[in-house]
N, C-alpha and C. Protein backbone atom coordinates (compact mmCIF):
# COMPACT_ATOMS: atom_id res chain seq x y z
N MET A 1 -81.82 40.41 -49.33
CA MET A 1 -80.48 40.96 -49.48
C MET A 1 -79.73 40.21 -50.58
N SER A 2 -79.06 40.93 -51.44
CA SER A 2 -78.33 40.31 -52.54
C SER A 2 -77.17 39.48 -52.03
N GLN A 3 -76.87 38.38 -52.75
CA GLN A 3 -75.75 37.53 -52.40
C GLN A 3 -74.44 38.28 -52.51
N HIS A 4 -74.45 39.33 -53.33
CA HIS A 4 -73.23 40.09 -53.58
C HIS A 4 -73.14 41.32 -52.67
N ASP A 5 -74.04 41.44 -51.73
CA ASP A 5 -74.01 42.55 -50.78
C ASP A 5 -72.72 42.49 -49.97
N PRO A 6 -71.90 43.57 -50.00
CA PRO A 6 -70.63 43.56 -49.27
C PRO A 6 -70.81 43.38 -47.78
N HIS A 7 -71.95 43.89 -47.23
CA HIS A 7 -72.21 43.73 -45.79
C HIS A 7 -72.42 42.25 -45.45
N ASN A 8 -73.11 41.54 -46.37
CA ASN A 8 -73.35 40.11 -46.17
C ASN A 8 -72.03 39.35 -46.20
N LYS A 9 -71.16 39.71 -47.15
CA LYS A 9 -69.85 39.07 -47.26
C LYS A 9 -69.02 39.32 -46.01
N ASN A 10 -69.07 40.57 -45.52
CA ASN A 10 -68.31 40.92 -44.32
C ASN A 10 -68.80 40.14 -43.11
N SER A 11 -70.13 39.97 -43.02
CA SER A 11 -70.72 39.24 -41.90
C SER A 11 -70.27 37.78 -41.92
N LYS A 12 -70.29 37.18 -43.13
CA LYS A 12 -69.85 35.79 -43.26
C LYS A 12 -68.38 35.66 -42.91
N SER A 13 -67.60 36.65 -43.36
CA SER A 13 -66.16 36.62 -43.08
C SER A 13 -65.89 36.70 -41.58
N MET A 14 -66.66 37.53 -40.89
CA MET A 14 -66.50 37.69 -39.44
C MET A 14 -66.89 36.40 -38.71
N VAL A 15 -67.95 35.74 -39.19
CA VAL A 15 -68.38 34.48 -38.57
C VAL A 15 -67.31 33.41 -38.73
N VAL A 16 -66.78 33.30 -39.96
CA VAL A 16 -65.73 32.31 -40.24
C VAL A 16 -64.50 32.58 -39.38
N SER A 17 -64.13 33.87 -39.29
CA SER A 17 -62.97 34.26 -38.48
C SER A 17 -63.17 33.90 -37.02
N ALA A 18 -64.39 34.14 -36.51
CA ALA A 18 -64.70 33.83 -35.11
C ALA A 18 -64.66 32.32 -34.87
N GLN A 19 -65.16 31.55 -35.86
CA GLN A 19 -65.15 30.09 -35.73
C GLN A 19 -63.73 29.55 -35.68
N LYS A 20 -62.86 30.11 -36.52
CA LYS A 20 -61.46 29.68 -36.55
C LYS A 20 -60.76 30.01 -35.23
N LYS A 21 -61.06 31.19 -34.69
CA LYS A 21 -60.45 31.60 -33.43
C LYS A 21 -60.92 30.70 -32.29
N LEU A 22 -62.22 30.40 -32.27
CA LEU A 22 -62.78 29.52 -31.24
C LEU A 22 -62.16 28.13 -31.33
N LEU A 23 -62.01 27.63 -32.55
CA LEU A 23 -61.43 26.30 -32.75
C LEU A 23 -59.99 26.26 -32.27
N SER A 24 -59.27 27.36 -32.49
CA SER A 24 -57.88 27.45 -32.03
C SER A 24 -57.82 27.38 -30.51
N GLN A 25 -58.76 28.07 -29.84
CA GLN A 25 -58.80 28.06 -28.38
C GLN A 25 -59.20 26.68 -27.85
N ILE A 26 -60.14 26.05 -28.53
CA ILE A 26 -60.62 24.72 -28.11
C ILE A 26 -59.50 23.69 -28.19
N SER A 27 -58.67 23.78 -29.24
CA SER A 27 -57.64 22.77 -29.48
C SER A 27 -56.56 22.76 -28.40
N THR A 28 -56.45 23.87 -27.65
CA THR A 28 -55.43 23.94 -26.59
C THR A 28 -56.00 23.51 -25.24
N SER A 29 -57.30 23.24 -25.18
CA SER A 29 -57.94 22.83 -23.93
C SER A 29 -57.57 21.39 -23.59
N LYS A 30 -57.06 21.17 -22.40
CA LYS A 30 -56.66 19.82 -21.97
C LYS A 30 -57.86 18.88 -21.94
N SER A 31 -59.02 19.40 -21.51
CA SER A 31 -60.22 18.55 -21.43
C SER A 31 -60.67 18.13 -22.82
N VAL A 32 -60.58 19.04 -23.79
CA VAL A 32 -60.96 18.71 -25.16
C VAL A 32 -59.98 17.70 -25.74
N GLN A 33 -58.71 17.89 -25.46
CA GLN A 33 -57.70 16.95 -25.94
C GLN A 33 -57.96 15.55 -25.41
N LYS A 34 -58.37 15.46 -24.14
CA LYS A 34 -58.66 14.15 -23.54
C LYS A 34 -59.88 13.51 -24.21
N THR A 35 -60.81 14.35 -24.67
CA THR A 35 -62.02 13.84 -25.32
C THR A 35 -61.68 13.17 -26.65
N PHE A 36 -60.75 13.78 -27.40
CA PHE A 36 -60.45 13.29 -28.74
C PHE A 36 -59.19 12.43 -28.83
N LEU A 37 -58.37 12.46 -27.79
CA LEU A 37 -57.14 11.65 -27.79
C LEU A 37 -57.20 10.69 -26.61
N ASP A 38 -57.40 9.41 -26.89
CA ASP A 38 -57.53 8.43 -25.81
C ASP A 38 -56.17 8.16 -25.15
N GLU A 39 -56.21 7.38 -24.10
CA GLU A 39 -55.01 7.12 -23.31
C GLU A 39 -53.88 6.49 -24.14
N GLU A 40 -54.24 5.54 -25.00
CA GLU A 40 -53.21 4.87 -25.80
C GLU A 40 -52.61 5.82 -26.83
N THR A 41 -53.44 6.69 -27.41
CA THR A 41 -52.94 7.68 -28.36
C THR A 41 -52.00 8.66 -27.68
N ASN A 42 -52.37 9.09 -26.48
CA ASN A 42 -51.50 9.99 -25.72
C ASN A 42 -50.17 9.33 -25.38
N LYS A 43 -50.22 8.03 -25.05
CA LYS A 43 -48.98 7.30 -24.76
C LYS A 43 -48.12 7.22 -26.01
N LEU A 44 -48.75 6.99 -27.15
CA LEU A 44 -48.04 6.92 -28.42
C LEU A 44 -47.39 8.26 -28.76
N LEU A 45 -48.12 9.33 -28.55
CA LEU A 45 -47.58 10.67 -28.81
C LEU A 45 -46.39 10.97 -27.91
N GLN A 46 -46.48 10.54 -26.64
CA GLN A 46 -45.37 10.75 -25.71
C GLN A 46 -44.14 9.96 -26.15
N LEU A 47 -44.35 8.74 -26.61
CA LEU A 47 -43.23 7.92 -27.09
C LEU A 47 -42.57 8.54 -28.32
N PHE A 48 -43.37 9.09 -29.22
CA PHE A 48 -42.80 9.76 -30.39
C PHE A 48 -42.04 11.02 -29.97
N SER A 49 -42.55 11.70 -28.96
CA SER A 49 -41.84 12.86 -28.43
C SER A 49 -40.49 12.44 -27.86
N ASP A 50 -40.49 11.35 -27.10
CA ASP A 50 -39.25 10.82 -26.52
C ASP A 50 -38.28 10.40 -27.63
N LEU A 51 -38.82 9.77 -28.67
CA LEU A 51 -37.99 9.32 -29.79
C LEU A 51 -37.36 10.51 -30.50
N SER A 52 -38.14 11.54 -30.73
CA SER A 52 -37.64 12.73 -31.41
C SER A 52 -36.55 13.41 -30.60
N ARG A 53 -36.76 13.49 -29.29
CA ARG A 53 -35.76 14.10 -28.42
C ARG A 53 -34.48 13.27 -28.39
N GLU A 54 -34.64 11.95 -28.30
CA GLU A 54 -33.48 11.06 -28.30
C GLU A 54 -32.71 11.16 -29.61
N TYR A 55 -33.43 11.24 -30.72
CA TYR A 55 -32.80 11.36 -32.03
C TYR A 55 -31.95 12.62 -32.11
N LEU A 56 -32.50 13.75 -31.70
CA LEU A 56 -31.77 15.02 -31.79
C LEU A 56 -30.56 15.05 -30.86
N ILE A 57 -30.72 14.46 -29.68
CA ILE A 57 -29.60 14.42 -28.72
C ILE A 57 -28.44 13.61 -29.30
N VAL A 58 -28.78 12.47 -29.91
CA VAL A 58 -27.74 11.64 -30.54
C VAL A 58 -27.14 12.34 -31.75
N LYS A 59 -28.01 12.88 -32.61
CA LYS A 59 -27.57 13.53 -33.84
C LYS A 59 -26.63 14.70 -33.56
N GLU A 60 -26.97 15.49 -32.57
CA GLU A 60 -26.19 16.70 -32.29
C GLU A 60 -25.09 16.46 -31.26
N GLY A 61 -24.94 15.21 -30.83
CA GLY A 61 -23.85 14.86 -29.93
C GLY A 61 -23.91 15.53 -28.57
N VAL A 62 -25.13 15.79 -28.10
CA VAL A 62 -25.29 16.49 -26.82
C VAL A 62 -24.68 15.70 -25.67
N ASP A 63 -24.87 14.38 -25.68
CA ASP A 63 -24.35 13.54 -24.59
C ASP A 63 -22.82 13.51 -24.54
N LEU A 64 -22.18 13.91 -25.64
CA LEU A 64 -20.72 13.86 -25.71
C LEU A 64 -20.06 15.14 -25.21
N LEU A 65 -20.89 16.16 -24.94
CA LEU A 65 -20.34 17.44 -24.48
C LEU A 65 -19.81 17.32 -23.06
N ASP A 66 -18.63 17.87 -22.82
CA ASP A 66 -17.99 17.81 -21.50
C ASP A 66 -18.44 18.97 -20.61
N ASN A 67 -18.68 20.11 -21.26
CA ASN A 67 -19.07 21.30 -20.51
C ASN A 67 -20.53 21.17 -20.04
N LYS A 68 -20.72 21.18 -18.70
CA LYS A 68 -22.04 20.93 -18.13
C LYS A 68 -23.05 21.99 -18.56
N LYS A 69 -22.66 23.27 -18.51
CA LYS A 69 -23.58 24.34 -18.87
C LYS A 69 -23.97 24.27 -20.35
N GLU A 70 -22.98 23.98 -21.18
CA GLU A 70 -23.25 23.87 -22.61
C GLU A 70 -24.17 22.68 -22.89
N LYS A 71 -23.94 21.60 -22.17
CA LYS A 71 -24.77 20.40 -22.33
C LYS A 71 -26.21 20.68 -21.92
N GLU A 72 -26.39 21.38 -20.80
CA GLU A 72 -27.73 21.73 -20.34
C GLU A 72 -28.43 22.66 -21.34
N LYS A 73 -27.67 23.60 -21.89
CA LYS A 73 -28.22 24.56 -22.86
C LYS A 73 -28.70 23.83 -24.11
N GLU A 74 -27.85 22.92 -24.62
CA GLU A 74 -28.21 22.17 -25.83
C GLU A 74 -29.40 21.24 -25.57
N THR A 75 -29.43 20.62 -24.39
CA THR A 75 -30.54 19.73 -24.03
C THR A 75 -31.84 20.50 -23.96
N THR A 76 -31.80 21.70 -23.38
CA THR A 76 -32.99 22.56 -23.30
C THR A 76 -33.46 22.95 -24.70
N GLY A 77 -32.50 23.27 -25.59
CA GLY A 77 -32.85 23.63 -26.96
C GLY A 77 -33.54 22.49 -27.69
N VAL A 78 -33.05 21.28 -27.48
CA VAL A 78 -33.65 20.09 -28.09
C VAL A 78 -35.07 19.90 -27.57
N LYS A 79 -35.25 20.01 -26.26
CA LYS A 79 -36.57 19.83 -25.65
C LYS A 79 -37.57 20.84 -26.21
N GLU A 80 -37.13 22.09 -26.36
CA GLU A 80 -38.02 23.14 -26.86
C GLU A 80 -38.42 22.88 -28.31
N ARG A 81 -37.47 22.44 -29.11
CA ARG A 81 -37.76 22.15 -30.51
C ARG A 81 -38.74 21.01 -30.64
N VAL A 82 -38.51 19.94 -29.89
CA VAL A 82 -39.40 18.78 -29.93
C VAL A 82 -40.78 19.15 -29.40
N HIS A 83 -40.83 19.93 -28.33
CA HIS A 83 -42.11 20.35 -27.75
C HIS A 83 -42.94 21.12 -28.78
N LYS A 84 -42.30 21.99 -29.55
CA LYS A 84 -43.02 22.78 -30.56
C LYS A 84 -43.61 21.87 -31.64
N VAL A 85 -42.82 20.92 -32.12
CA VAL A 85 -43.29 20.01 -33.17
C VAL A 85 -44.49 19.19 -32.68
N HIS A 86 -44.37 18.65 -31.47
CA HIS A 86 -45.43 17.77 -30.97
C HIS A 86 -46.65 18.55 -30.50
N LYS A 87 -46.46 19.78 -30.07
CA LYS A 87 -47.59 20.63 -29.74
C LYS A 87 -48.39 20.94 -31.01
N ASP A 88 -47.67 21.23 -32.09
CA ASP A 88 -48.33 21.48 -33.38
C ASP A 88 -49.08 20.24 -33.86
N LEU A 89 -48.47 19.07 -33.68
CA LEU A 89 -49.10 17.81 -34.10
C LEU A 89 -50.40 17.57 -33.34
N ILE A 90 -50.36 17.75 -32.03
CA ILE A 90 -51.55 17.53 -31.21
C ILE A 90 -52.66 18.51 -31.59
N LYS A 91 -52.30 19.77 -31.81
CA LYS A 91 -53.30 20.77 -32.20
C LYS A 91 -53.98 20.38 -33.51
N LEU A 92 -53.21 19.91 -34.47
CA LEU A 92 -53.78 19.51 -35.75
C LEU A 92 -54.71 18.32 -35.58
N MET A 93 -54.29 17.33 -34.80
CA MET A 93 -55.11 16.15 -34.57
C MET A 93 -56.44 16.51 -33.92
N VAL A 94 -56.37 17.36 -32.90
CA VAL A 94 -57.59 17.75 -32.19
C VAL A 94 -58.51 18.58 -33.08
N LYS A 95 -57.93 19.52 -33.82
CA LYS A 95 -58.75 20.37 -34.68
C LYS A 95 -59.47 19.57 -35.76
N ILE A 96 -58.78 18.64 -36.37
CA ILE A 96 -59.41 17.81 -37.39
C ILE A 96 -60.52 16.96 -36.78
N SER A 97 -60.29 16.43 -35.58
CA SER A 97 -61.31 15.64 -34.89
C SER A 97 -62.54 16.48 -34.57
N VAL A 98 -62.31 17.71 -34.13
CA VAL A 98 -63.42 18.61 -33.82
C VAL A 98 -64.20 18.96 -35.09
N LEU A 99 -63.47 19.28 -36.15
CA LEU A 99 -64.13 19.62 -37.43
C LEU A 99 -65.02 18.47 -37.90
N ALA A 100 -64.51 17.25 -37.81
CA ALA A 100 -65.28 16.09 -38.27
C ALA A 100 -66.49 15.83 -37.37
N SER A 101 -66.27 15.90 -36.06
CA SER A 101 -67.36 15.59 -35.12
C SER A 101 -68.45 16.64 -35.12
N GLN A 102 -68.08 17.89 -35.45
CA GLN A 102 -69.05 18.98 -35.46
C GLN A 102 -69.60 19.26 -36.86
N HIS A 103 -69.31 18.35 -37.80
CA HIS A 103 -69.83 18.45 -39.17
C HIS A 103 -69.45 19.78 -39.83
N GLN A 104 -68.19 20.17 -39.66
CA GLN A 104 -67.71 21.43 -40.23
C GLN A 104 -66.96 21.24 -41.55
N LEU A 105 -66.91 19.99 -42.03
CA LEU A 105 -66.22 19.71 -43.29
C LEU A 105 -67.23 19.54 -44.42
N ASN A 106 -66.89 20.08 -45.59
CA ASN A 106 -67.79 19.90 -46.73
C ASN A 106 -67.54 18.52 -47.38
N GLY A 107 -68.29 18.22 -48.44
CA GLY A 107 -68.20 16.90 -49.06
C GLY A 107 -66.81 16.55 -49.55
N GLU A 108 -66.17 17.49 -50.21
CA GLU A 108 -64.83 17.25 -50.74
C GLU A 108 -63.82 17.00 -49.62
N GLU A 109 -63.96 17.78 -48.54
CA GLU A 109 -63.05 17.63 -47.40
C GLU A 109 -63.27 16.30 -46.68
N LEU A 110 -64.53 15.88 -46.61
CA LEU A 110 -64.84 14.58 -46.00
C LEU A 110 -64.25 13.43 -46.82
N ASP A 111 -64.33 13.55 -48.13
CA ASP A 111 -63.73 12.54 -49.01
C ASP A 111 -62.22 12.47 -48.79
N CYS A 112 -61.62 13.65 -48.65
CA CYS A 112 -60.18 13.72 -48.40
C CYS A 112 -59.83 13.08 -47.05
N LEU A 113 -60.69 13.29 -46.07
CA LEU A 113 -60.46 12.73 -44.74
C LEU A 113 -60.51 11.20 -44.78
N ILE A 114 -61.46 10.67 -45.53
CA ILE A 114 -61.57 9.22 -45.68
C ILE A 114 -60.31 8.66 -46.36
N GLU A 115 -59.87 9.34 -47.41
CA GLU A 115 -58.65 8.92 -48.11
C GLU A 115 -57.44 9.05 -47.19
N LEU A 116 -57.44 10.09 -46.38
CA LEU A 116 -56.35 10.31 -45.43
C LEU A 116 -56.23 9.15 -44.46
N ARG A 117 -57.34 8.68 -43.95
CA ARG A 117 -57.33 7.55 -43.01
C ARG A 117 -56.80 6.29 -43.68
N GLU A 118 -57.18 6.09 -44.94
CA GLU A 118 -56.69 4.92 -45.68
C GLU A 118 -55.18 4.99 -45.89
N LYS A 119 -54.70 6.18 -46.24
CA LYS A 119 -53.27 6.36 -46.47
C LYS A 119 -52.49 6.24 -45.17
N PHE A 120 -53.08 6.72 -44.07
CA PHE A 120 -52.41 6.61 -42.78
C PHE A 120 -52.31 5.14 -42.36
N HIS A 121 -53.36 4.38 -42.64
CA HIS A 121 -53.36 2.95 -42.33
C HIS A 121 -52.21 2.24 -43.06
N LYS A 122 -52.06 2.53 -44.35
CA LYS A 122 -50.98 1.92 -45.13
C LYS A 122 -49.61 2.35 -44.61
N PHE A 123 -49.50 3.62 -44.22
CA PHE A 123 -48.23 4.12 -43.69
C PHE A 123 -47.86 3.40 -42.40
N VAL A 124 -48.83 3.22 -41.51
CA VAL A 124 -48.57 2.54 -40.24
C VAL A 124 -48.13 1.10 -40.48
N MET A 125 -48.77 0.43 -41.41
CA MET A 125 -48.38 -0.94 -41.75
C MET A 125 -46.94 -0.98 -42.25
N THR A 126 -46.57 -0.02 -43.09
CA THR A 126 -45.21 0.05 -43.62
C THR A 126 -44.22 0.36 -42.50
N PHE A 127 -44.58 1.29 -41.63
CA PHE A 127 -43.74 1.71 -40.51
C PHE A 127 -43.39 0.52 -39.62
N VAL A 128 -44.42 -0.25 -39.26
CA VAL A 128 -44.23 -1.41 -38.38
C VAL A 128 -43.40 -2.48 -39.09
N THR A 129 -43.68 -2.71 -40.37
CA THR A 129 -42.93 -3.72 -41.13
C THR A 129 -41.45 -3.38 -41.21
N TYR A 130 -41.14 -2.12 -41.46
CA TYR A 130 -39.73 -1.71 -41.57
C TYR A 130 -39.00 -1.85 -40.23
N HIS A 131 -39.71 -1.66 -39.14
CA HIS A 131 -39.08 -1.87 -37.83
C HIS A 131 -38.81 -3.36 -37.60
N GLN A 132 -39.78 -4.17 -37.97
CA GLN A 132 -39.65 -5.62 -37.75
C GLN A 132 -38.64 -6.25 -38.70
N MET A 133 -38.56 -5.69 -39.91
CA MET A 133 -37.64 -6.22 -40.93
C MET A 133 -36.81 -5.07 -41.52
N PRO A 134 -35.79 -4.62 -40.79
CA PRO A 134 -35.01 -3.46 -41.21
C PRO A 134 -34.37 -3.58 -42.58
N ASP A 135 -34.13 -4.81 -43.04
CA ASP A 135 -33.54 -4.99 -44.37
C ASP A 135 -34.51 -4.58 -45.48
N CYS A 136 -35.79 -4.49 -45.15
CA CYS A 136 -36.81 -4.09 -46.13
C CYS A 136 -36.97 -2.57 -46.20
N TYR A 137 -36.33 -1.87 -45.28
CA TYR A 137 -36.50 -0.41 -45.18
C TYR A 137 -36.21 0.29 -46.51
N ASN A 138 -37.17 1.12 -46.92
CA ASN A 138 -37.04 1.91 -48.14
C ASN A 138 -37.50 3.33 -47.84
N ARG A 139 -36.53 4.22 -47.74
CA ARG A 139 -36.85 5.60 -47.34
C ARG A 139 -37.77 6.28 -48.35
N GLU A 140 -37.58 6.00 -49.64
CA GLU A 140 -38.39 6.66 -50.67
C GLU A 140 -39.87 6.30 -50.54
N ILE A 141 -40.15 5.05 -50.22
CA ILE A 141 -41.55 4.63 -50.05
C ILE A 141 -42.18 5.36 -48.86
N LEU A 142 -41.45 5.41 -47.74
CA LEU A 142 -41.97 6.11 -46.56
C LEU A 142 -42.17 7.59 -46.84
N ALA A 143 -41.21 8.19 -47.53
CA ALA A 143 -41.30 9.62 -47.85
C ALA A 143 -42.52 9.92 -48.72
N LYS A 144 -42.78 9.04 -49.70
CA LYS A 144 -43.95 9.23 -50.57
C LYS A 144 -45.25 9.09 -49.78
N GLN A 145 -45.28 8.13 -48.86
CA GLN A 145 -46.48 7.93 -48.04
C GLN A 145 -46.71 9.13 -47.12
N LEU A 146 -45.64 9.64 -46.55
CA LEU A 146 -45.75 10.80 -45.67
C LEU A 146 -46.19 12.04 -46.45
N GLU A 147 -45.67 12.21 -47.65
CA GLU A 147 -46.05 13.35 -48.48
C GLU A 147 -47.52 13.27 -48.87
N ALA A 148 -48.00 12.06 -49.16
CA ALA A 148 -49.42 11.88 -49.49
C ALA A 148 -50.30 12.24 -48.29
N ILE A 149 -49.86 11.86 -47.10
CA ILE A 149 -50.60 12.19 -45.88
C ILE A 149 -50.60 13.70 -45.67
N ARG A 150 -49.44 14.32 -45.82
CA ARG A 150 -49.33 15.78 -45.64
C ARG A 150 -50.25 16.51 -46.62
N SER A 151 -50.26 16.06 -47.87
CA SER A 151 -51.09 16.68 -48.90
C SER A 151 -52.57 16.58 -48.56
N HIS A 152 -53.00 15.42 -48.08
CA HIS A 152 -54.41 15.23 -47.73
C HIS A 152 -54.82 16.02 -46.50
N VAL A 153 -53.92 16.09 -45.51
CA VAL A 153 -54.22 16.91 -44.33
C VAL A 153 -54.39 18.36 -44.77
N SER A 154 -53.51 18.82 -45.64
CA SER A 154 -53.57 20.20 -46.13
C SER A 154 -54.91 20.49 -46.80
N LYS A 155 -55.40 19.54 -47.60
CA LYS A 155 -56.69 19.73 -48.29
C LYS A 155 -57.86 19.75 -47.30
N VAL A 156 -57.73 18.98 -46.22
CA VAL A 156 -58.81 18.94 -45.21
C VAL A 156 -58.88 20.25 -44.42
N ILE A 157 -57.72 20.82 -44.10
CA ILE A 157 -57.70 21.99 -43.20
C ILE A 157 -57.64 23.33 -43.91
N ASP A 158 -57.37 23.34 -45.21
CA ASP A 158 -57.12 24.60 -45.92
C ASP A 158 -58.25 25.61 -45.77
N ARG A 159 -59.49 25.17 -45.97
CA ARG A 159 -60.63 26.09 -45.90
C ARG A 159 -61.07 26.39 -44.47
N PRO A 160 -61.30 25.35 -43.63
CA PRO A 160 -61.89 25.64 -42.31
C PRO A 160 -60.93 26.17 -41.25
N LEU A 161 -59.63 26.02 -41.46
CA LEU A 161 -58.67 26.47 -40.44
C LEU A 161 -57.85 27.66 -40.94
N SER A 162 -57.17 28.30 -40.01
CA SER A 162 -56.39 29.49 -40.34
C SER A 162 -55.06 29.12 -40.98
N ASP A 163 -54.37 30.14 -41.48
CA ASP A 163 -53.05 29.93 -42.10
C ASP A 163 -52.04 29.38 -41.09
N LYS A 164 -52.25 29.68 -39.80
CA LYS A 164 -51.34 29.18 -38.77
C LYS A 164 -51.33 27.65 -38.74
N SER A 165 -52.48 27.04 -39.02
CA SER A 165 -52.55 25.58 -39.04
C SER A 165 -51.72 25.02 -40.18
N GLY A 166 -51.70 25.74 -41.30
CA GLY A 166 -50.87 25.33 -42.43
C GLY A 166 -49.39 25.39 -42.07
N ILE A 167 -49.01 26.40 -41.31
CA ILE A 167 -47.62 26.54 -40.86
C ILE A 167 -47.27 25.41 -39.89
N ARG A 168 -48.21 25.08 -39.00
CA ARG A 168 -47.99 23.96 -38.07
C ARG A 168 -47.81 22.65 -38.83
N LEU A 169 -48.63 22.47 -39.85
CA LEU A 169 -48.55 21.26 -40.67
C LEU A 169 -47.16 21.11 -41.28
N GLU A 170 -46.65 22.20 -41.85
CA GLU A 170 -45.33 22.15 -42.48
C GLU A 170 -44.24 21.90 -41.44
N ASN A 171 -44.39 22.47 -40.26
CA ASN A 171 -43.41 22.26 -39.19
C ASN A 171 -43.34 20.79 -38.79
N VAL A 172 -44.51 20.18 -38.65
CA VAL A 172 -44.58 18.76 -38.25
C VAL A 172 -43.95 17.86 -39.31
N PHE A 173 -44.35 18.06 -40.57
CA PHE A 173 -43.88 17.15 -41.61
C PHE A 173 -42.44 17.42 -42.03
N THR A 174 -41.98 18.64 -41.89
CA THR A 174 -40.56 18.91 -42.16
C THR A 174 -39.70 18.10 -41.22
N PHE A 175 -40.14 17.99 -39.97
CA PHE A 175 -39.36 17.22 -38.99
C PHE A 175 -39.44 15.73 -39.28
N PHE A 176 -40.63 15.19 -39.42
CA PHE A 176 -40.79 13.74 -39.54
C PHE A 176 -40.40 13.19 -40.92
N MET A 177 -40.33 14.06 -41.93
CA MET A 177 -39.92 13.61 -43.26
C MET A 177 -38.43 13.79 -43.50
N ASP A 178 -37.72 14.28 -42.51
CA ASP A 178 -36.27 14.46 -42.64
C ASP A 178 -35.63 13.10 -42.94
N PRO A 179 -34.94 12.95 -44.08
CA PRO A 179 -34.32 11.67 -44.43
C PRO A 179 -33.37 11.15 -43.35
N ASN A 180 -32.65 12.06 -42.69
CA ASN A 180 -31.73 11.65 -41.63
C ASN A 180 -32.47 11.03 -40.45
N TYR A 181 -33.65 11.59 -40.15
CA TYR A 181 -34.48 11.07 -39.06
C TYR A 181 -34.97 9.66 -39.40
N LEU A 182 -35.49 9.51 -40.61
CA LEU A 182 -36.01 8.20 -41.03
C LEU A 182 -34.90 7.15 -41.05
N ASP A 183 -33.76 7.50 -41.60
CA ASP A 183 -32.64 6.55 -41.64
C ASP A 183 -32.19 6.16 -40.24
N ALA A 184 -32.15 7.14 -39.35
CA ALA A 184 -31.65 6.89 -37.99
C ALA A 184 -32.55 5.95 -37.20
N ILE A 185 -33.85 6.06 -37.36
CA ILE A 185 -34.74 5.25 -36.53
C ILE A 185 -34.99 3.85 -37.10
N PHE A 186 -34.67 3.66 -38.39
CA PHE A 186 -34.93 2.35 -39.00
C PHE A 186 -33.69 1.52 -39.27
N ARG A 187 -32.52 2.09 -39.17
CA ARG A 187 -31.33 1.30 -39.51
C ARG A 187 -31.14 0.16 -38.50
N ARG A 188 -30.51 -0.90 -38.96
CA ARG A 188 -30.38 -2.12 -38.17
C ARG A 188 -29.73 -1.87 -36.81
N ASN A 189 -28.68 -1.05 -36.77
CA ASN A 189 -27.97 -0.79 -35.51
C ASN A 189 -28.42 0.51 -34.86
N SER A 190 -29.66 0.87 -35.08
CA SER A 190 -30.19 2.13 -34.55
C SER A 190 -30.15 2.17 -33.02
N PRO A 191 -29.73 3.31 -32.47
CA PRO A 191 -29.73 3.46 -31.01
C PRO A 191 -31.14 3.71 -30.46
N HIS A 192 -32.12 3.74 -31.35
CA HIS A 192 -33.49 4.07 -30.95
C HIS A 192 -34.40 2.84 -30.96
N LYS A 193 -33.82 1.65 -30.98
CA LYS A 193 -34.62 0.41 -31.10
C LYS A 193 -35.62 0.21 -29.96
N LYS A 194 -35.22 0.57 -28.75
CA LYS A 194 -36.11 0.36 -27.59
C LYS A 194 -37.40 1.16 -27.75
N LEU A 195 -37.26 2.46 -28.03
CA LEU A 195 -38.43 3.30 -28.19
C LEU A 195 -39.23 2.90 -29.42
N MET A 196 -38.55 2.57 -30.50
CA MET A 196 -39.24 2.13 -31.71
C MET A 196 -40.04 0.85 -31.44
N GLY A 197 -39.47 -0.05 -30.62
CA GLY A 197 -40.17 -1.27 -30.28
C GLY A 197 -41.46 -0.99 -29.52
N GLU A 198 -41.40 -0.06 -28.56
CA GLU A 198 -42.59 0.30 -27.78
C GLU A 198 -43.65 0.95 -28.68
N ILE A 199 -43.18 1.81 -29.58
CA ILE A 199 -44.11 2.48 -30.51
C ILE A 199 -44.79 1.47 -31.42
N CYS A 200 -44.00 0.56 -31.99
CA CYS A 200 -44.55 -0.40 -32.94
C CYS A 200 -45.45 -1.44 -32.27
N ASP A 201 -45.20 -1.73 -31.01
CA ASP A 201 -46.10 -2.63 -30.27
C ASP A 201 -47.50 -2.03 -30.17
N ILE A 202 -47.56 -0.73 -29.87
CA ILE A 202 -48.86 -0.05 -29.77
C ILE A 202 -49.52 0.03 -31.15
N LEU A 203 -48.73 0.40 -32.16
CA LEU A 203 -49.28 0.51 -33.52
C LEU A 203 -49.80 -0.84 -34.01
N GLN A 204 -49.05 -1.90 -33.75
CA GLN A 204 -49.48 -3.24 -34.16
C GLN A 204 -50.77 -3.63 -33.46
N ASN A 205 -50.87 -3.30 -32.18
CA ASN A 205 -52.08 -3.60 -31.42
C ASN A 205 -53.28 -2.84 -32.00
N GLN A 206 -53.07 -1.59 -32.38
CA GLN A 206 -54.16 -0.80 -32.96
C GLN A 206 -54.56 -1.32 -34.34
N LEU A 207 -53.56 -1.80 -35.09
CA LEU A 207 -53.86 -2.41 -36.38
C LEU A 207 -54.68 -3.69 -36.19
N ASN A 208 -54.29 -4.49 -35.22
CA ASN A 208 -55.00 -5.75 -34.93
C ASN A 208 -56.45 -5.51 -34.53
N GLN A 209 -56.66 -4.42 -33.80
CA GLN A 209 -58.01 -4.08 -33.34
C GLN A 209 -58.77 -3.23 -34.35
N LYS A 210 -58.13 -2.98 -35.50
CA LYS A 210 -58.73 -2.18 -36.57
C LYS A 210 -59.09 -0.77 -36.09
N LEU A 211 -58.23 -0.22 -35.22
CA LEU A 211 -58.43 1.13 -34.73
C LEU A 211 -57.75 2.17 -35.64
N ILE A 212 -56.89 1.66 -36.52
CA ILE A 212 -56.20 2.55 -37.47
C ILE A 212 -56.61 2.14 -38.89
């Protein structure tokens, strides 16, 4: 059969589409998530979820509202927004782990994944340092590191995953790259110091153990 046979192309397209659909279903499985996300990673994700929710509540002045119903409505809205961002993050993490473990990435994508891990390592080191020494905080450096990570994730997932994963990626990074968010969690008098301390303790431990 010729390589240019339209039936052959259609068959390949159907296989790729089925693989993407299966991967999407797998990424939502709690058992699969437990396989690829260990207990400490899950704890870290929960802390970031708590931090994001706390940030939005403070930013939008939800705690200052006197009307109980309005306060409950705004709190629910914050929870839903944070849940969507972190659900998208977990799906991306699991899908990339599955792609790598099942050898579904080509050479170029594997190279990007290796570079992604290196860039993530540098970002975590910077993140922890800025928490420990807030006077060193530089939003532009963090933003550049986050953009580099976003770009590499995009290159890894562009071919093997669906367009929905690209939308999830943008949703996650739009939230975490928000300058207001970065300034709020790193400033010296930040109301988020407790959660940031717990997050950075775990990150520092993972750095020490060379897990990141």
